[in-house]
Amino acid sequence: MNIFSTIGTLVRNHVADHKGVVKIVDTESNILLRNSDPQGTMALATDTDQIYIHTGSGTWVKIQTEATT
């Protein structure tokens, strides 16, 4: 299994355990300033419509999505 598959599985399992609920709805700049949220916290940036996940120690990762038809 490659690293991306492993990460995908871990994220999928975490989301399933936490029902995939976005916990924070705020501007992108405010989200990126946060540093005490639990690992796995999801946030929606209202000004960019981007979704972020907190990976710990104040690091937020933008979830990249693809449009499908």
PDB file of N, CA and C in Angstrom:
ATOM      1  N   MET A   1       0.853  -1.172   0.000  1.00  0.00           N
ATOM      2  CA  MET A   1       0.000   0.000   0.000  1.00  0.00           C
ATOM      3  C   MET A   1       0.903   1.239   0.000  1.00  0.00           C
ATOM      4  N   ASN A   2       0.603   2.209  -0.865  1.00  0.00           N
ATOM      5  CA  ASN A   2       1.433   3.414  -0.909  1.00  0.00           C
ATOM      6  C   ASN A   2       0.986   4.428   0.149  1.00  0.00           C
ATOM      7  N   ILE A   3       1.772   5.456   0.329  1.00  0.00           N
ATOM      8  CA  ILE A   3       1.519   6.449   1.384  1.00  0.00           C
ATOM      9  C   ILE A   3       0.185   7.162   1.205  1.00  0.00           C
ATOM     10  N   PHE A   4      -0.194   7.455  -0.046  1.00  0.00           N
ATOM     11  CA  PHE A   4      -1.460   8.157  -0.285  1.00  0.00           C
ATOM     12  C   PHE A   4      -2.650   7.273   0.059  1.00  0.00           C
ATOM     13  N   SER A   5      -2.536   6.006  -0.243  1.00  0.00           N
ATOM     14  CA  SER A   5      -3.602   5.070   0.103  1.00  0.00           C
ATOM     15  C   SER A   5      -3.735   4.947   1.616  1.00  0.00           C
ATOM     16  N   THR A   6      -2.594   4.891   2.297  1.00  0.00           N
ATOM     17  CA  THR A   6      -2.596   4.811   3.763  1.00  0.00           C
ATOM     18  C   THR A   6      -3.227   6.053   4.372  1.00  0.00           C
ATOM     19  N   ILE A   7      -2.831   7.228   3.883  1.00  0.00           N
ATOM     20  CA  ILE A   7      -3.399   8.481   4.392  1.00  0.00           C
ATOM     21  C   ILE A   7      -4.904   8.508   4.136  1.00  0.00           C
ATOM     22  N   GLY A   8      -5.310   8.119   2.925  1.00  0.00           N
ATOM     23  CA  GLY A   8      -6.733   8.099   2.597  1.00  0.00           C
ATOM     24  C   GLY A   8      -7.519   7.199   3.529  1.00  0.00           C
ATOM     25  N   THR A   9      -6.980   6.031   3.821  1.00  0.00           N
ATOM     26  CA  THR A   9      -7.641   5.098   4.728  1.00  0.00           C
ATOM     27  C   THR A   9      -7.746   5.679   6.128  1.00  0.00           C
ATOM     28  N   LEU A  10      -6.660   6.283   6.609  1.00  0.00           N
ATOM     29  CA  LEU A  10      -6.680   6.881   7.946  1.00  0.00           C
ATOM     30  C   LEU A  10      -7.696   8.019   8.037  1.00  0.00           C
ATOM     31  N   VAL A  11      -7.734   8.879   7.017  1.00  0.00           N
ATOM     32  CA  VAL A  11      -8.690   9.985   7.013  1.00  0.00           C
ATOM     33  C   VAL A  11     -10.117   9.446   6.949  1.00  0.00           C
ATOM     34  N   ARG A  12     -10.360   8.477   6.059  1.00  0.00           N
ATOM     35  CA  ARG A  12     -11.699   7.900   5.939  1.00  0.00           C
ATOM     36  C   ARG A  12     -12.165   7.300   7.268  1.00  0.00           C
ATOM     37  N   ASN A  13     -11.280   6.566   7.943  1.00  0.00           N
ATOM     38  CA  ASN A  13     -11.635   5.974   9.230  1.00  0.00           C
ATOM     39  C   ASN A  13     -11.896   7.037  10.286  1.00  0.00           C
ATOM     40  N   HIS A  14     -11.078   8.085  10.281  1.00  0.00           N
ATOM     41  CA  HIS A  14     -11.267   9.161  11.256  1.00  0.00           C
ATOM     42  C   HIS A  14     -12.599   9.871  11.014  1.00  0.00           C
ATOM     43  N   VAL A  15     -12.886  10.161   9.763  1.00  0.00           N
ATOM     44  CA  VAL A  15     -14.141  10.844   9.429  1.00  0.00           C
ATOM     45  C   VAL A  15     -15.324   9.964   9.800  1.00  0.00           C
ATOM     46  N   ALA A  16     -15.228   8.666   9.537  1.00  0.00           N
ATOM     47  CA  ALA A  16     -16.315   7.752   9.885  1.00  0.00           C
ATOM     48  C   ALA A  16     -16.545   7.746  11.393  1.00  0.00           C
ATOM     49  N   ASP A  17     -15.461   7.778  12.158  1.00  0.00           N
ATOM     50  CA  ASP A  17     -15.577   7.798  13.618  1.00  0.00           C
ATOM     51  C   ASP A  17     -16.155   9.100  14.133  1.00  0.00           C
ATOM     52  N   HIS A  18     -15.921  10.189  13.425  1.00  0.00           N
ATOM     53  CA  HIS A  18     -16.370  11.506  13.877  1.00  0.00           C
ATOM     54  C   HIS A  18     -17.501  12.065  13.017  1.00  0.00           C
ATOM     55  N   LYS A  19     -18.092  11.230  12.202  1.00  0.00           N
ATOM     56  CA  LYS A  19     -19.243  11.560  11.362  1.00  0.00           C
ATOM     57  C   LYS A  19     -18.968  12.648  10.338  1.00  0.00           C
ATOM     58  N   GLY A  20     -17.699  13.007  10.105  1.00  0.00           N
ATOM     59  CA  GLY A  20     -17.341  13.947   9.054  1.00  0.00           C
ATOM     60  C   GLY A  20     -17.916  15.341   9.223  1.00  0.00           C
ATOM     61  N   VAL A  21     -18.184  15.720  10.440  1.00  0.00           N
ATOM     62  CA  VAL A  21     -18.805  17.013  10.703  1.00  0.00           C
ATOM     63  C   VAL A  21     -17.747  18.115  10.728  1.00  0.00           C
ATOM     64  N   VAL A  22     -17.991  19.173   9.957  1.00  0.00           N
ATOM     65  CA  VAL A  22     -17.120  20.337  10.013  1.00  0.00           C
ATOM     66  C   VAL A  22     -17.380  21.044  11.335  1.00  0.00           C
ATOM     67  N   LYS A  23     -16.353  21.223  12.127  1.00  0.00           N
ATOM     68  CA  LYS A  23     -16.497  21.806  13.460  1.00  0.00           C
ATOM     69  C   LYS A  23     -16.330  23.315  13.468  1.00  0.00           C
ATOM     70  N   ILE A  24     -15.624  23.870  12.460  1.00  0.00           N
ATOM     71  CA  ILE A  24     -15.303  25.293  12.448  1.00  0.00           C
ATOM     72  C   ILE A  24     -15.742  25.884  11.115  1.00  0.00           C
ATOM     73  N   VAL A  25     -16.438  27.004  11.162  1.00  0.00           N
ATOM     74  CA  VAL A  25     -16.808  27.754   9.971  1.00  0.00           C
ATOM     75  C   VAL A  25     -16.328  29.180  10.215  1.00  0.00           C
ATOM     76  N   ASP A  26     -15.309  29.596   9.459  1.00  0.00           N
ATOM     77  CA  ASP A  26     -14.680  30.898   9.684  1.00  0.00           C
ATOM     78  C   ASP A  26     -13.917  31.277   8.414  1.00  0.00           C
ATOM     79  N   THR A  27     -13.287  32.436   8.438  1.00  0.00           N
ATOM     80  CA  THR A  27     -12.475  32.839   7.279  1.00  0.00           C
ATOM     81  C   THR A  27     -11.182  32.017   7.248  1.00  0.00           C
ATOM     82  N   GLU A  28     -10.599  31.924   6.064  1.00  0.00           N
ATOM     83  CA  GLU A  28      -9.365  31.156   5.896  1.00  0.00           C
ATOM     84  C   GLU A  28      -8.256  31.673   6.811  1.00  0.00           C
ATOM     85  N   SER A  29      -8.091  32.982   6.889  1.00  0.00           N
ATOM     86  CA  SER A  29      -7.012  33.543   7.713  1.00  0.00           C
ATOM     87  C   SER A  29      -7.202  33.207   9.193  1.00  0.00           C
ATOM     88  N   ASN A  30      -8.441  33.236   9.663  1.00  0.00           N
ATOM     89  CA  ASN A  30      -8.701  32.899  11.066  1.00  0.00           C
ATOM     90  C   ASN A  30      -8.460  31.416  11.340  1.00  0.00           C
ATOM     91  N   ILE A  31      -8.843  30.570  10.394  1.00  0.00           N
ATOM     92  CA  ILE A  31      -8.607  29.131  10.562  1.00  0.00           C
ATOM     93  C   ILE A  31      -7.109  28.856  10.661  1.00  0.00           C
ATOM     94  N   LEU A  32      -6.338  29.440   9.757  1.00  0.00           N
ATOM     95  CA  LEU A  32      -4.902  29.172   9.718  1.00  0.00           C
ATOM     96  C   LEU A  32      -4.161  29.708  10.939  1.00  0.00           C
ATOM     97  N   LEU A  33      -4.773  30.633  11.672  1.00  0.00           N
ATOM     98  CA  LEU A  33      -4.170  31.157  12.902  1.00  0.00           C
ATOM     99  C   LEU A  33      -4.426  30.254  14.114  1.00  0.00           C
ATOM    100  N   ARG A  34      -5.397  29.356  14.003  1.00  0.00           N
ATOM    101  CA  ARG A  34      -5.755  28.487  15.138  1.00  0.00           C
ATOM    102  C   ARG A  34      -4.655  27.454  15.353  1.00  0.00           C
ATOM    103  N   ASN A  35      -4.379  27.122  16.634  1.00  0.00           N
ATOM    104  CA  ASN A  35      -3.334  26.136  16.887  1.00  0.00           C
ATOM    105  C   ASN A  35      -3.641  25.168  18.024  1.00  0.00           C
ATOM    106  N   SER A  36      -4.804  25.288  18.657  1.00  0.00           N
ATOM    107  CA  SER A  36      -5.083  24.408  19.792  1.00  0.00           C
ATOM    108  C   SER A  36      -6.231  23.434  19.531  1.00  0.00           C
ATOM    109  N   ASP A  37      -6.670  23.324  18.270  1.00  0.00           N
ATOM    110  CA  ASP A  37      -7.746  22.392  17.959  1.00  0.00           C
ATOM    111  C   ASP A  37      -7.220  20.958  17.956  1.00  0.00           C
ATOM    112  N   PRO A  38      -8.073  20.001  18.301  1.00  0.00           N
ATOM    113  CA  PRO A  38      -7.636  18.604  18.282  1.00  0.00           C
ATOM    114  C   PRO A  38      -7.269  18.152  16.868  1.00  0.00           C
ATOM    115  N   GLN A  39      -6.357  17.219  16.792  1.00  0.00           N
ATOM    116  CA  GLN A  39      -5.971  16.653  15.509  1.00  0.00           C
ATOM    117  C   GLN A  39      -7.209  16.049  14.853  1.00  0.00           C
ATOM    118  N   GLY A  40      -7.386  16.311  13.560  1.00  0.00           N
ATOM    119  CA  GLY A  40      -8.538  15.790  12.834  1.00  0.00           C
ATOM    120  C   GLY A  40      -9.711  16.745  12.749  1.00  0.00           C
ATOM    121  N   THR A  41      -9.619  17.888  13.435  1.00  0.00           N
ATOM    122  CA  THR A  41     -10.681  18.890  13.352  1.00  0.00           C
ATOM    123  C   THR A  41     -10.795  19.387  11.918  1.00  0.00           C
ATOM    124  N   MET A  42     -12.032  19.492  11.443  1.00  0.00           N
ATOM    125  CA  MET A  42     -12.259  19.985  10.085  1.00  0.00           C
ATOM    126  C   MET A  42     -12.827  21.392  10.141  1.00  0.00           C
ATOM    127  N   ALA A  43     -12.453  22.204   9.155  1.00  0.00           N
ATOM    128  CA  ALA A  43     -12.898  23.591   9.109  1.00  0.00           C
ATOM    129  C   ALA A  43     -13.261  23.980   7.682  1.00  0.00           C
ATOM    130  N   LEU A  44     -14.268  24.830   7.560  1.00  0.00           N
ATOM    131  CA  LEU A  44     -14.681  25.369   6.265  1.00  0.00           C
ATOM    132  C   LEU A  44     -14.371  26.851   6.237  1.00  0.00           C
ATOM    133  N   ALA A  45     -13.589  27.268   5.248  1.00  0.00           N
ATOM    134  CA  ALA A  45     -13.271  28.689   5.077  1.00  0.00           C
ATOM    135  C   ALA A  45     -14.407  29.336   4.282  1.00  0.00           C
ATOM    136  N   THR A  46     -15.091  30.269   4.916  1.00  0.00           N
ATOM    137  CA  THR A  46     -16.263  30.887   4.294  1.00  0.00           C
ATOM    138  C   THR A  46     -15.915  31.819   3.148  1.00  0.00           C
ATOM    139  N   ASP A  47     -14.704  32.347   3.150  1.00  0.00           N
ATOM    140  CA  ASP A  47     -14.325  33.285   2.088  1.00  0.00           C
ATOM    141  C   ASP A  47     -13.745  32.602   0.855  1.00  0.00           C
ATOM    142  N   THR A  48     -13.299  31.355   0.992  1.00  0.00           N
ATOM    143  CA  THR A  48     -12.701  30.644  -0.148  1.00  0.00           C
ATOM    144  C   THR A  48     -13.417  29.336  -0.471  1.00  0.00           C
ATOM    145  N   ASP A  49     -14.351  28.920   0.388  1.00  0.00           N
ATOM    146  CA  ASP A  49     -15.050  27.626   0.258  1.00  0.00           C
ATOM    147  C   ASP A  49     -14.092  26.443   0.272  1.00  0.00           C
ATOM    148  N   GLN A  50     -12.943  26.589   0.929  1.00  0.00           N
ATOM    149  CA  GLN A  50     -11.971  25.507   1.062  1.00  0.00           C
ATOM    150  C   GLN A  50     -12.210  24.776   2.380  1.00  0.00           C
ATOM    151  N   ILE A  51     -11.907  23.483   2.371  1.00  0.00           N
ATOM    152  CA  ILE A  51     -12.016  22.669   3.582  1.00  0.00           C
ATOM    153  C   ILE A  51     -10.604  22.360   4.058  1.00  0.00           C
ATOM    154  N   TYR A  52     -10.398  22.481   5.360  1.00  0.00           N
ATOM    155  CA  TYR A  52      -9.101  22.221   5.984  1.00  0.00           C
ATOM    156  C   TYR A  52      -9.249  21.158   7.063  1.00  0.00           C
ATOM    157  N   ILE A  53      -8.170  20.426   7.292  1.00  0.00           N
ATOM    158  CA  ILE A  53      -8.123  19.484   8.406  1.00  0.00           C
ATOM    159  C   ILE A  53      -6.876  19.795   9.232  1.00  0.00           C
ATOM    160  N   HIS A  54      -7.048  19.790  10.554  1.00  0.00           N
ATOM    161  CA  HIS A  54      -5.942  20.097  11.463  1.00  0.00           C
ATOM    162  C   HIS A  54      -5.132  18.829  11.700  1.00  0.00           C
ATOM    163  N   THR A  55      -3.841  18.886  11.414  1.00  0.00           N
ATOM    164  CA  THR A  55      -2.981  17.713  11.578  1.00  0.00           C
ATOM    165  C   THR A  55      -2.159  17.766  12.858  1.00  0.00           C
ATOM    166  N   GLY A  56      -2.396  18.777  13.671  1.00  0.00           N
ATOM    167  CA  GLY A  56      -1.695  18.897  14.945  1.00  0.00           C
ATOM    168  C   GLY A  56      -0.683  20.022  14.935  1.00  0.00           C
ATOM    169  N   SER A  57      -0.358  20.521  16.115  1.00  0.00           N
ATOM    170  CA  SER A  57       0.659  21.563  16.312  1.00  0.00           C
ATOM    171  C   SER A  57       0.424  22.809  15.468  1.00  0.00           C
ATOM    172  N   GLY A  58      -0.838  23.162  15.234  1.00  0.00           N
ATOM    173  CA  GLY A  58      -1.151  24.378  14.497  1.00  0.00           C
ATOM    174  C   GLY A  58      -1.048  24.251  12.991  1.00  0.00           C
ATOM    175  N   THR A  59      -0.884  23.035  12.485  1.00  0.00           N
ATOM    176  CA  THR A  59      -0.765  22.822  11.046  1.00  0.00           C
ATOM    177  C   THR A  59      -2.121  22.454  10.456  1.00  0.00           C
ATOM    178  N   TRP A  60      -2.543  23.237   9.463  1.00  0.00           N
ATOM    179  CA  TRP A  60      -3.798  22.988   8.748  1.00  0.00           C
ATOM    180  C   TRP A  60      -3.473  22.585   7.323  1.00  0.00           C
ATOM    181  N   VAL A  61      -4.140  21.546   6.825  1.00  0.00           N
ATOM    182  CA  VAL A  61      -3.922  21.066   5.466  1.00  0.00           C
ATOM    183  C   VAL A  61      -5.201  21.276   4.673  1.00  0.00           C
ATOM    184  N   LYS A  62      -5.056  21.903   3.505  1.00  0.00           N
ATOM    185  CA  LYS A  62      -6.201  22.129   2.632  1.00  0.00           C
ATOM    186  C   LYS A  62      -6.556  20.831   1.927  1.00  0.00           C
ATOM    187  N   ILE A  63      -7.829  20.482   1.951  1.00  0.00           N
ATOM    188  CA  ILE A  63      -8.305  19.291   1.255  1.00  0.00           C
ATOM    189  C   ILE A  63      -8.554  19.674  -0.203  1.00  0.00           C
ATOM    190  N   GLN A  64      -7.852  19.021  -1.101  1.00  0.00           N
ATOM    191  CA  GLN A  64      -7.996  19.287  -2.535  1.00  0.00           C
ATOM    192  C   GLN A  64      -9.125  18.404  -3.083  1.00  0.00           C
ATOM    193  N   THR A  65     -10.007  19.002  -3.823  1.00  0.00           N
ATOM    194  CA  THR A  65     -11.105  18.254  -4.418  1.00  0.00           C
ATOM    195  C   THR A  65     -11.081  18.414  -5.929  1.00  0.00           C
ATOM    196  N   GLU A  66     -11.686  17.482  -6.603  1.00  0.00           N
ATOM    197  CA  GLU A  66     -11.787  17.518  -8.047  1.00  0.00           C
ATOM    198  C   GLU A  66     -13.260  17.595  -8.423  1.00  0.00           C
ATOM    199  N   ALA A  67     -13.555  18.358  -9.439  1.00  0.00           N
ATOM    200  CA  ALA A  67     -14.922  18.410  -9.956  1.00  0.00           C
ATOM    201  C   ALA A  67     -15.179  17.140 -10.762  1.00  0.00           C
ATOM    202  N   THR A  68     -16.360  16.584 -10.592  1.00  0.00           N
ATOM    203  CA  THR A  68     -16.747  15.418 -11.370  1.00  0.00           C
ATOM    204  C   THR A  68     -18.002  15.741 -12.146  1.00  0.00           C
ATOM    205  N   THR A  69     -18.194  15.037 -13.224  1.00  0.00           N
ATOM    206  CA  THR A  69     -19.390  15.271 -14.034  1.00  0.00           C
ATOM    207  C   THR A  69     -20.301  14.080 -14.018  1.00  0.00           C
TER     208      THR A  69
END
